[in-house]
Amino acid sequence: MNWIEIAGHMGGIMSSITFIPQVYKAWKSKSVGDLSLTMMIIVFISTIVWLIYGISLNLWPVIIANTIICFLSLLLLYFKFTFKR
Protein backbone atom coordinates (compact mmCIF):
# COMPACT_ATOMS: atom_id res chain seq x y z
CA MET A 1 0.00 0.00 0.00
CA ASN A 2 1.52 3.31 -1.05
CA TRP A 3 1.10 6.70 0.61
CA ILE A 4 -1.72 7.82 -1.72
CA GLU A 5 -3.78 4.72 -0.83
CA ILE A 6 -3.13 5.38 2.84
CA ALA A 7 -4.29 8.98 2.34
CA GLY A 8 -7.44 7.70 0.63
CA HIS A 9 -8.22 5.34 3.48
CA MET A 10 -7.54 8.03 6.10
CA GLY A 11 -9.79 10.49 4.27
CA GLY A 12 -12.48 7.85 4.07
CA ILE A 13 -12.23 7.12 7.79
CA MET A 14 -12.39 10.80 8.69
CA SER A 15 -15.40 11.38 6.42
CA SER A 16 -17.17 8.35 7.86
CA ILE A 17 -16.75 9.23 11.50
CA THR A 18 -18.20 12.73 11.08
CA PHE A 19 -21.70 11.27 11.33
CA ILE A 20 -21.11 9.19 14.46
CA PRO A 21 -21.54 12.03 17.02
CA GLN A 22 -24.80 13.13 15.39
CA VAL A 23 -26.20 9.59 15.27
CA TYR A 24 -25.22 9.05 18.91
CA LYS A 25 -26.76 12.35 20.03
CA ALA A 26 -29.99 11.66 18.13
CA TRP A 27 -30.21 8.14 19.56
CA LYS A 28 -29.57 9.25 23.15
CA SER A 29 -31.88 12.29 23.07
CA LYS A 30 -34.52 10.73 20.80
CA SER A 31 -34.69 14.18 19.22
CA VAL A 32 -33.96 15.02 15.58
CA GLY A 33 -36.09 18.12 15.14
CA ASP A 34 -33.10 20.26 14.19
CA LEU A 35 -31.92 17.87 11.47
CA SER A 36 -32.82 18.89 7.96
CA LEU A 37 -34.69 16.12 6.15
CA THR A 38 -33.64 17.61 2.80
CA MET A 39 -29.97 17.52 3.79
CA MET A 40 -30.23 13.92 4.98
CA ILE A 41 -31.87 12.82 1.72
CA ILE A 42 -29.17 14.60 -0.29
CA VAL A 43 -26.43 12.93 1.79
CA PHE A 44 -28.05 9.52 1.31
CA ILE A 45 -28.42 9.94 -2.46
CA SER A 46 -24.87 11.26 -2.81
CA THR A 47 -23.46 8.25 -0.96
CA ILE A 48 -25.35 5.93 -3.32
CA VAL A 49 -23.82 7.76 -6.30
CA TRP A 50 -20.35 7.58 -4.72
CA LEU A 51 -20.85 3.86 -4.05
CA ILE A 52 -21.73 3.24 -7.69
CA TYR A 53 -18.62 5.16 -8.72
CA GLY A 54 -16.36 3.40 -6.21
CA ILE A 55 -17.66 -0.07 -7.06
CA SER A 56 -17.37 0.52 -10.81
CA LEU A 57 -13.71 1.55 -10.42
CA ASN A 58 -12.94 -0.85 -7.54
CA LEU A 59 -11.88 2.03 -5.28
CA TRP A 60 -11.92 0.52 -1.79
CA PRO A 61 -11.50 3.75 0.19
CA VAL A 62 -14.53 5.20 -1.60
CA ILE A 63 -16.54 1.98 -1.18
CA ILE A 64 -15.78 1.59 2.53
CA ALA A 65 -16.32 5.23 3.48
CA ASN A 66 -19.56 5.59 1.58
CA THR A 67 -20.95 2.30 2.84
CA ILE A 68 -20.45 3.55 6.40
CA ILE A 69 -21.86 7.00 5.62
CA CYS A 70 -24.83 5.42 3.84
CA PHE A 71 -25.59 3.27 6.89
CA LEU A 72 -25.27 6.20 9.30
CA SER A 73 -27.42 8.48 7.13
CA LEU A 74 -30.05 5.73 6.92
CA LEU A 75 -30.03 5.59 10.73
CA LEU A 76 -30.55 9.33 10.92
CA LEU A 77 -33.40 9.11 8.39
CA TYR A 78 -34.94 6.30 10.42
CA PHE A 79 -34.66 8.42 13.57
CA LYS A 80 -36.17 11.41 11.73
CA PHE A 81 -39.28 9.41 10.91
CA THR A 82 -39.44 7.49 14.20
CA PHE A 83 -38.75 10.08 16.90
CA LYS A 84 -41.63 12.50 17.27
CA ARG A 85 -39.98 15.50 18.92
PDB file of N, CA and C in Angstrom:
ATOM      1  N   MET A   1       0.851  -1.172   0.000  1.00  0.00           N
ATOM      2  CA  MET A   1       0.000   0.000   0.000  1.00  0.00           C
ATOM      3  C   MET A   1       0.900   1.240   0.000  1.00  0.00           C
ATOM      4  N   ASN A   2       0.694   2.106  -0.972  1.00  0.00           N
ATOM      5  CA  ASN A   2       1.517   3.310  -1.046  1.00  0.00           C
ATOM      6  C   ASN A   2       0.865   4.459  -0.277  1.00  0.00           C
ATOM      7  N   TRP A   3       1.556   5.584  -0.220  1.00  0.00           N
ATOM      8  CA  TRP A   3       1.096   6.696   0.606  1.00  0.00           C
ATOM      9  C   TRP A   3      -0.221   7.279   0.111  1.00  0.00           C
ATOM     10  N   ILE A   4      -0.472   7.245  -1.201  1.00  0.00           N
ATOM     11  CA  ILE A   4      -1.715   7.815  -1.722  1.00  0.00           C
ATOM     12  C   ILE A   4      -2.913   6.939  -1.337  1.00  0.00           C
ATOM     13  N   GLU A   5      -2.708   5.624  -1.290  1.00  0.00           N
ATOM     14  CA  GLU A   5      -3.778   4.723  -0.832  1.00  0.00           C
ATOM     15  C   GLU A   5      -4.040   4.916   0.653  1.00  0.00           C
ATOM     16  N   ILE A   6      -2.978   5.111   1.417  1.00  0.00           N
ATOM     17  CA  ILE A   6      -3.132   5.377   2.845  1.00  0.00           C
ATOM     18  C   ILE A   6      -3.908   6.682   3.051  1.00  0.00           C
ATOM     19  N   ALA A   7      -3.579   7.701   2.259  1.00  0.00           N
ATOM     20  CA  ALA A   7      -4.293   8.981   2.343  1.00  0.00           C
ATOM     21  C   ALA A   7      -5.773   8.785   2.001  1.00  0.00           C
ATOM     22  N   GLY A   8      -6.057   7.980   0.999  1.00  0.00           N
ATOM     23  CA  GLY A   8      -7.442   7.700   0.627  1.00  0.00           C
ATOM     24  C   GLY A   8      -8.203   7.018   1.742  1.00  0.00           C
ATOM     25  N   HIS A   9      -7.580   6.028   2.366  1.00  0.00           N
ATOM     26  CA  HIS A   9      -8.223   5.335   3.484  1.00  0.00           C
ATOM     27  C   HIS A   9      -8.409   6.262   4.685  1.00  0.00           C
ATOM     28  N   MET A  10      -7.422   7.089   4.986  1.00  0.00           N
ATOM     29  CA  MET A  10      -7.542   8.026   6.102  1.00  0.00           C
ATOM     30  C   MET A  10      -8.646   9.047   5.843  1.00  0.00           C
ATOM     31  N   GLY A  11      -8.710   9.557   4.622  1.00  0.00           N
ATOM     32  CA  GLY A  11      -9.785  10.493   4.269  1.00  0.00           C
ATOM     33  C   GLY A  11     -11.148   9.840   4.392  1.00  0.00           C
ATOM     34  N   GLY A  12     -11.235   8.585   3.961  1.00  0.00           N
ATOM     35  CA  GLY A  12     -12.485   7.849   4.075  1.00  0.00           C
ATOM     36  C   GLY A  12     -12.903   7.647   5.519  1.00  0.00           C
ATOM     37  N   ILE A  13     -11.948   7.312   6.360  1.00  0.00           N
ATOM     38  CA  ILE A  13     -12.233   7.124   7.788  1.00  0.00           C
ATOM     39  C   ILE A  13     -12.707   8.437   8.405  1.00  0.00           C
ATOM     40  N   MET A  14     -12.011   9.509   8.116  1.00  0.00           N
ATOM     41  CA  MET A  14     -12.393  10.805   8.689  1.00  0.00           C
ATOM     42  C   MET A  14     -13.779  11.235   8.209  1.00  0.00           C
ATOM     43  N   SER A  15     -14.073  11.035   6.937  1.00  0.00           N
ATOM     44  CA  SER A  15     -15.403  11.380   6.418  1.00  0.00           C
ATOM     45  C   SER A  15     -16.480  10.531   7.078  1.00  0.00           C
ATOM     46  N   SER A  16     -16.186   9.268   7.285  1.00  0.00           N
ATOM     47  CA  SER A  16     -17.170   8.347   7.858  1.00  0.00           C
ATOM     48  C   SER A  16     -17.505   8.677   9.300  1.00  0.00           C
ATOM     49  N   ILE A  17     -16.499   9.021  10.076  1.00  0.00           N
ATOM     50  CA  ILE A  17     -16.753   9.230  11.503  1.00  0.00           C
ATOM     51  C   ILE A  17     -17.432  10.564  11.800  1.00  0.00           C
ATOM     52  N   THR A  18     -17.540  11.448  10.821  1.00  0.00           N
ATOM     53  CA  THR A  18     -18.195  12.728  11.081  1.00  0.00           C
ATOM     54  C   THR A  18     -19.657  12.555  11.460  1.00  0.00           C
ATOM     55  N   PHE A  19     -20.290  11.493  11.030  1.00  0.00           N
ATOM     56  CA  PHE A  19     -21.703  11.272  11.326  1.00  0.00           C
ATOM     57  C   PHE A  19     -21.937  10.603  12.677  1.00  0.00           C
ATOM     58  N   ILE A  20     -20.934   9.960  13.227  1.00  0.00           N
ATOM     59  CA  ILE A  20     -21.114   9.185  14.460  1.00  0.00           C
ATOM     60  C   ILE A  20     -21.602  10.054  15.628  1.00  0.00           C
ATOM     61  N   PRO A  21     -21.024  11.229  15.894  1.00  0.00           N
ATOM     62  CA  PRO A  21     -21.539  12.034  17.018  1.00  0.00           C
ATOM     63  C   PRO A  21     -23.010  12.431  16.841  1.00  0.00           C
ATOM     64  N   GLN A  22     -23.412  12.739  15.621  1.00  0.00           N
ATOM     65  CA  GLN A  22     -24.799  13.132  15.387  1.00  0.00           C
ATOM     66  C   GLN A  22     -25.757  11.961  15.577  1.00  0.00           C
ATOM     67  N   VAL A  23     -25.375  10.791  15.086  1.00  0.00           N
ATOM     68  CA  VAL A  23     -26.202   9.594  15.269  1.00  0.00           C
ATOM     69  C   VAL A  23     -26.313   9.273  16.757  1.00  0.00           C
ATOM     70  N   TYR A  24     -25.217   9.343  17.469  1.00  0.00           N
ATOM     71  CA  TYR A  24     -25.220   9.048  18.907  1.00  0.00           C
ATOM     72  C   TYR A  24     -26.116  10.037  19.660  1.00  0.00           C
ATOM     73  N   LYS A  25     -25.965  11.327  19.356  1.00  0.00           N
ATOM     74  CA  LYS A  25     -26.764  12.349  20.030  1.00  0.00           C
ATOM     75  C   LYS A  25     -28.253  12.152  19.742  1.00  0.00           C
ATOM     76  N   ALA A  26     -28.590  11.874  18.490  1.00  0.00           N
ATOM     77  CA  ALA A  26     -29.992  11.659  18.131  1.00  0.00           C
ATOM     78  C   ALA A  26     -30.549  10.431  18.834  1.00  0.00           C
ATOM     79  N   TRP A  27     -29.770   9.378  18.906  1.00  0.00           N
ATOM     80  CA  TRP A  27     -30.209   8.145  19.557  1.00  0.00           C
ATOM     81  C   TRP A  27     -30.418   8.355  21.053  1.00  0.00           C
ATOM     82  N   LYS A  28     -29.472   9.031  21.708  1.00  0.00           N
ATOM     83  CA  LYS A  28     -29.574   9.250  23.148  1.00  0.00           C
ATOM     84  C   LYS A  28     -30.712  10.210  23.504  1.00  0.00           C
ATOM     85  N   SER A  29     -30.874  11.278  22.741  1.00  0.00           N
ATOM     86  CA  SER A  29     -31.879  12.292  23.069  1.00  0.00           C
ATOM     87  C   SER A  29     -33.254  11.970  22.482  1.00  0.00           C
ATOM     88  N   LYS A  30     -33.282  11.057  21.519  1.00  0.00           N
ATOM     89  CA  LYS A  30     -34.519  10.734  20.804  1.00  0.00           C
ATOM     90  C   LYS A  30     -35.132  11.987  20.186  1.00  0.00           C
ATOM     91  N   SER A  31     -34.262  12.906  19.784  1.00  0.00           N
ATOM     92  CA  SER A  31     -34.692  14.176  19.216  1.00  0.00           C
ATOM     93  C   SER A  31     -33.897  14.473  17.948  1.00  0.00           C
ATOM     94  N   VAL A  32     -34.608  14.697  16.860  1.00  0.00           N
ATOM     95  CA  VAL A  32     -33.956  15.018  15.584  1.00  0.00           C
ATOM     96  C   VAL A  32     -34.633  16.208  14.908  1.00  0.00           C
ATOM     97  N   GLY A  33     -35.352  16.984  15.687  1.00  0.00           N
ATOM     98  CA  GLY A  33     -36.092  18.115  15.138  1.00  0.00           C
ATOM     99  C   GLY A  33     -35.222  19.122  14.403  1.00  0.00           C
ATOM    100  N   ASP A  34     -33.988  19.278  14.826  1.00  0.00           N
ATOM    101  CA  ASP A  34     -33.097  20.256  14.194  1.00  0.00           C
ATOM    102  C   ASP A  34     -32.407  19.721  12.947  1.00  0.00           C
ATOM    103  N   LEU A  35     -32.549  18.425  12.673  1.00  0.00           N
ATOM    104  CA  LEU A  35     -31.923  17.866  11.473  1.00  0.00           C
ATOM    105  C   LEU A  35     -32.772  18.162  10.253  1.00  0.00           C
ATOM    106  N   SER A  36     -32.128  18.597   9.201  1.00  0.00           N
ATOM    107  CA  SER A  36     -32.823  18.892   7.958  1.00  0.00           C
ATOM    108  C   SER A  36     -33.079  17.601   7.183  1.00  0.00           C
ATOM    109  N   LEU A  37     -34.338  17.299   6.935  1.00  0.00           N
ATOM    110  CA  LEU A  37     -34.693  16.124   6.152  1.00  0.00           C
ATOM    111  C   LEU A  37     -34.123  16.221   4.742  1.00  0.00           C
ATOM    112  N   THR A  38     -34.184  17.401   4.150  1.00  0.00           N
ATOM    113  CA  THR A  38     -33.642  17.609   2.800  1.00  0.00           C
ATOM    114  C   THR A  38     -32.159  17.292   2.756  1.00  0.00           C
ATOM    115  N   MET A  39     -31.407  17.781   3.752  1.00  0.00           N
ATOM    116  CA  MET A  39     -29.970  17.518   3.794  1.00  0.00           C
ATOM    117  C   MET A  39     -29.693  16.032   3.924  1.00  0.00           C
ATOM    118  N   MET A  40     -30.454  15.346   4.780  1.00  0.00           N
ATOM    119  CA  MET A  40     -30.229  13.920   4.981  1.00  0.00           C
ATOM    120  C   MET A  40     -30.532  13.121   3.715  1.00  0.00           C
ATOM    121  N   ILE A  41     -31.547  13.497   2.983  1.00  0.00           N
ATOM    122  CA  ILE A  41     -31.875  12.817   1.723  1.00  0.00           C
ATOM    123  C   ILE A  41     -30.770  13.058   0.701  1.00  0.00           C
ATOM    124  N   ILE A  42     -30.270  14.289   0.634  1.00  0.00           N
ATOM    125  CA  ILE A  42     -29.171  14.604  -0.294  1.00  0.00           C
ATOM    126  C   ILE A  42     -27.927  13.803   0.070  1.00  0.00           C
ATOM    127  N   VAL A  43     -27.596  13.714   1.353  1.00  0.00           N
ATOM    128  CA  VAL A  43     -26.431  12.933   1.787  1.00  0.00           C
ATOM    129  C   VAL A  43     -26.608  11.476   1.389  1.00  0.00           C
ATOM    130  N   PHE A  44     -27.789  10.918   1.639  1.00  0.00           N
ATOM    131  CA  PHE A  44     -28.051   9.516   1.313  1.00  0.00           C
ATOM    132  C   PHE A  44     -27.908   9.269  -0.193  1.00  0.00           C
ATOM    133  N   ILE A  45     -28.511  10.113  -0.999  1.00  0.00           N
ATOM    134  CA  ILE A  45     -28.421   9.943  -2.462  1.00  0.00           C
ATOM    135  C   ILE A  45     -26.979  10.098  -2.942  1.00  0.00           C
ATOM    136  N   SER A  46     -26.264  11.068  -2.378  1.00  0.00           N
ATOM    137  CA  SER A  46     -24.870  11.264  -2.812  1.00  0.00           C
ATOM    138  C   SER A  46     -24.002  10.065  -2.450  1.00  0.00           C
ATOM    139  N   THR A  47     -24.253   9.422  -1.307  1.00  0.00           N
ATOM    140  CA  THR A  47     -23.458   8.247  -0.965  1.00  0.00           C
ATOM    141  C   THR A  47     -23.767   7.078  -1.899  1.00  0.00           C
ATOM    142  N   ILE A  48     -25.008   6.972  -2.349  1.00  0.00           N
ATOM    143  CA  ILE A  48     -25.349   5.932  -3.319  1.00  0.00           C
ATOM    144  C   ILE A  48     -24.587   6.169  -4.623  1.00  0.00           C
ATOM    145  N   VAL A  49     -24.555   7.420  -5.073  1.00  0.00           N
ATOM    146  CA  VAL A  49     -23.818   7.758  -6.305  1.00  0.00           C
ATOM    147  C   VAL A  49     -22.329   7.465  -6.129  1.00  0.00           C
ATOM    148  N   TRP A  50     -21.756   7.863  -4.988  1.00  0.00           N
ATOM    149  CA  TRP A  50     -20.346   7.578  -4.719  1.00  0.00           C
ATOM    150  C   TRP A  50     -20.081   6.071  -4.659  1.00  0.00           C
ATOM    151  N   LEU A  51     -21.019   5.319  -4.091  1.00  0.00           N
ATOM    152  CA  LEU A  51     -20.853   3.860  -4.048  1.00  0.00           C
ATOM    153  C   LEU A  51     -20.832   3.269  -5.453  1.00  0.00           C
ATOM    154  N   ILE A  52     -21.721   3.721  -6.296  1.00  0.00           N
ATOM    155  CA  ILE A  52     -21.729   3.245  -7.693  1.00  0.00           C
ATOM    156  C   ILE A  52     -20.392   3.547  -8.357  1.00  0.00           C
ATOM    157  N   TYR A  53     -19.909   4.749  -8.163  1.00  0.00           N
ATOM    158  CA  TYR A  53     -18.623   5.160  -8.725  1.00  0.00           C
ATOM    159  C   TYR A  53     -17.484   4.303  -8.168  1.00  0.00           C
ATOM    160  N   GLY A  54     -17.435   4.160  -6.844  1.00  0.00           N
ATOM    161  CA  GLY A  54     -16.359   3.395  -6.212  1.00  0.00           C
ATOM    162  C   GLY A  54     -16.370   1.934  -6.618  1.00  0.00           C
ATOM    163  N   ILE A  55     -17.555   1.346  -6.674  1.00  0.00           N
ATOM    164  CA  ILE A  55     -17.659  -0.067  -7.060  1.00  0.00           C
ATOM    165  C   ILE A  55     -17.253  -0.255  -8.517  1.00  0.00           C
ATOM    166  N   SER A  56     -17.688   0.664  -9.376  1.00  0.00           N
ATOM    167  CA  SER A  56     -17.366   0.516 -10.808  1.00  0.00           C
ATOM    168  C   SER A  56     -15.867   0.626 -11.069  1.00  0.00           C
ATOM    169  N   LEU A  57     -15.153   1.388 -10.245  1.00  0.00           N
ATOM    170  CA  LEU A  57     -13.713   1.548 -10.425  1.00  0.00           C
ATOM    171  C   LEU A  57     -12.898   0.759  -9.397  1.00  0.00           C
ATOM    172  N   ASN A  58     -13.593  -0.025  -8.567  1.00  0.00           N
ATOM    173  CA  ASN A  58     -12.936  -0.846  -7.544  1.00  0.00           C
ATOM    174  C   ASN A  58     -12.049  -0.005  -6.618  1.00  0.00           C
ATOM    175  N   LEU A  59     -12.605   1.114  -6.161  1.00  0.00           N
ATOM    176  CA  LEU A  59     -11.877   2.029  -5.278  1.00  0.00           C
ATOM    177  C   LEU A  59     -12.307   1.761  -3.834  1.00  0.00           C
ATOM    178  N   TRP A  60     -11.541   0.954  -3.130  1.00  0.00           N
ATOM    179  CA  TRP A  60     -11.925   0.519  -1.794  1.00  0.00           C
ATOM    180  C   TRP A  60     -12.094   1.640  -0.778  1.00  0.00           C
ATOM    181  N   PRO A  61     -11.249   2.665  -0.774  1.00  0.00           N
ATOM    182  CA  PRO A  61     -11.498   3.750   0.191  1.00  0.00           C
ATOM    183  C   PRO A  61     -12.865   4.407  -0.026  1.00  0.00           C
ATOM    184  N   VAL A  62     -13.241   4.590  -1.277  1.00  0.00           N
ATOM    185  CA  VAL A  62     -14.533   5.196  -1.601  1.00  0.00           C
ATOM    186  C   VAL A  62     -15.672   4.253  -1.206  1.00  0.00           C
ATOM    187  N   ILE A  63     -15.510   2.977  -1.497  1.00  0.00           N
ATOM    188  CA  ILE A  63     -16.544   1.982  -1.177  1.00  0.00           C
ATOM    189  C   ILE A  63     -16.751   1.887   0.331  1.00  0.00           C
ATOM    190  N   ILE A  64     -15.679   1.753   1.077  1.00  0.00           N
ATOM    191  CA  ILE A  64     -15.781   1.589   2.530  1.00  0.00           C
ATOM    192  C   ILE A  64     -16.385   2.828   3.184  1.00  0.00           C
ATOM    193  N   ALA A  65     -15.844   3.990   2.857  1.00  0.00           N
ATOM    194  CA  ALA A  65     -16.320   5.226   3.480  1.00  0.00           C
ATOM    195  C   ALA A  65     -17.792   5.463   3.173  1.00  0.00           C
ATOM    196  N   ASN A  66     -18.184   5.289   1.942  1.00  0.00           N
ATOM    197  CA  ASN A  66     -19.565   5.591   1.581  1.00  0.00           C
ATOM    198  C   ASN A  66     -20.546   4.524   2.040  1.00  0.00           C
ATOM    199  N   THR A  67     -20.085   3.313   2.232  1.00  0.00           N
ATOM    200  CA  THR A  67     -20.947   2.296   2.840  1.00  0.00           C
ATOM    201  C   THR A  67     -21.260   2.688   4.283  1.00  0.00           C
ATOM    202  N   ILE A  68     -20.252   3.136   5.007  1.00  0.00           N
ATOM    203  CA  ILE A  68     -20.449   3.554   6.400  1.00  0.00           C
ATOM    204  C   ILE A  68     -21.341   4.795   6.466  1.00  0.00           C
ATOM    205  N   ILE A  69     -21.060   5.779   5.626  1.00  0.00           N
ATOM    206  CA  ILE A  69     -21.857   7.004   5.616  1.00  0.00           C
ATOM    207  C   ILE A  69     -23.305   6.705   5.223  1.00  0.00           C
ATOM    208  N   CYS A  70     -23.488   5.810   4.268  1.00  0.00           N
ATOM    209  CA  CYS A  70     -24.834   5.420   3.843  1.00  0.00           C
ATOM    210  C   CYS A  70     -25.594   4.805   5.013  1.00  0.00           C
ATOM    211  N   PHE A  71     -24.961   3.901   5.739  1.00  0.00           N
ATOM    212  CA  PHE A  71     -25.590   3.267   6.893  1.00  0.00           C
ATOM    213  C   PHE A  71     -25.950   4.302   7.955  1.00  0.00           C
ATOM    214  N   LEU A  72     -25.017   5.195   8.268  1.00  0.00           N
ATOM    215  CA  LEU A  72     -25.271   6.200   9.299  1.00  0.00           C
ATOM    216  C   LEU A  72     -26.352   7.192   8.868  1.00  0.00           C
ATOM    217  N   SER A  73     -26.372   7.570   7.594  1.00  0.00           N
ATOM    218  CA  SER A  73     -27.416   8.481   7.131  1.00  0.00           C
ATOM    219  C   SER A  73     -28.774   7.785   7.114  1.00  0.00           C
ATOM    220  N   LEU A  74     -28.795   6.486   6.820  1.00  0.00           N
ATOM    221  CA  LEU A  74     -30.049   5.730   6.920  1.00  0.00           C
ATOM    222  C   LEU A  74     -30.554   5.696   8.361  1.00  0.00           C
ATOM    223  N   LEU A  75     -29.637   5.542   9.313  1.00  0.00           N
ATOM    224  CA  LEU A  75     -30.027   5.589  10.725  1.00  0.00           C
ATOM    225  C   LEU A  75     -30.644   6.938  11.083  1.00  0.00           C
ATOM    226  N   LEU A  76     -30.014   8.008  10.632  1.00  0.00           N
ATOM    227  CA  LEU A  76     -30.555   9.332  10.918  1.00  0.00           C
ATOM    228  C   LEU A  76     -31.926   9.525  10.268  1.00  0.00           C
ATOM    229  N   LEU A  77     -32.088   9.029   9.043  1.00  0.00           N
ATOM    230  CA  LEU A  77     -33.400   9.110   8.390  1.00  0.00           C
ATOM    231  C   LEU A  77     -34.442   8.295   9.160  1.00  0.00           C
ATOM    232  N   TYR A  78     -34.047   7.125   9.613  1.00  0.00           N
ATOM    233  CA  TYR A  78     -34.943   6.300  10.422  1.00  0.00           C
ATOM    234  C   TYR A  78     -35.345   7.052  11.692  1.00  0.00           C
ATOM    235  N   PHE A  79     -34.361   7.649  12.367  1.00  0.00           N
ATOM    236  CA  PHE A  79     -34.656   8.423  13.568  1.00  0.00           C
ATOM    237  C   PHE A  79     -35.585   9.587  13.249  1.00  0.00           C
ATOM    238  N   LYS A  80     -35.365  10.247  12.117  1.00  0.00           N
ATOM    239  CA  LYS A  80     -36.170  11.406  11.727  1.00  0.00           C
ATOM    240  C   LYS A  80     -37.642  11.024  11.605  1.00  0.00           C
ATOM    241  N   PHE A  81     -37.899   9.840  11.082  1.00  0.00           N
ATOM    242  CA  PHE A  81     -39.284   9.414  10.908  1.00  0.00           C
ATOM    243  C   PHE A  81     -39.850   8.696  12.125  1.00  0.00           C
ATOM    244  N   THR A  82     -38.999   8.263  13.042  1.00  0.00           N
ATOM    245  CA  THR A  82     -39.439   7.492  14.205  1.00  0.00           C
ATOM    246  C   THR A  82     -39.631   8.379  15.435  1.00  0.00           C
ATOM    247  N   PHE A  83     -38.673   9.231  15.720  1.00  0.00           N
ATOM    248  CA  PHE A  83     -38.748  10.083  16.900  1.00  0.00           C
ATOM    249  C   PHE A  83     -39.697  11.241  16.614  1.00  0.00           C
ATOM    250  N   LYS A  84     -40.578  11.510  17.515  1.00  0.00           N
ATOM    251  CA  LYS A  84     -41.627  12.498  17.274  1.00  0.00           C
ATOM    252  C   LYS A  84     -41.274  13.921  17.672  1.00  0.00           C
ATOM    253  N   ARG A  85     -40.287  14.120  18.519  1.00  0.00           N
ATOM    254  CA  ARG A  85     -39.984  15.497  18.924  1.00  0.00           C
ATOM    255  C   ARG A  85     -38.748  16.016  18.279  1.00  0.00           C
TER     256      ARG A  85
END
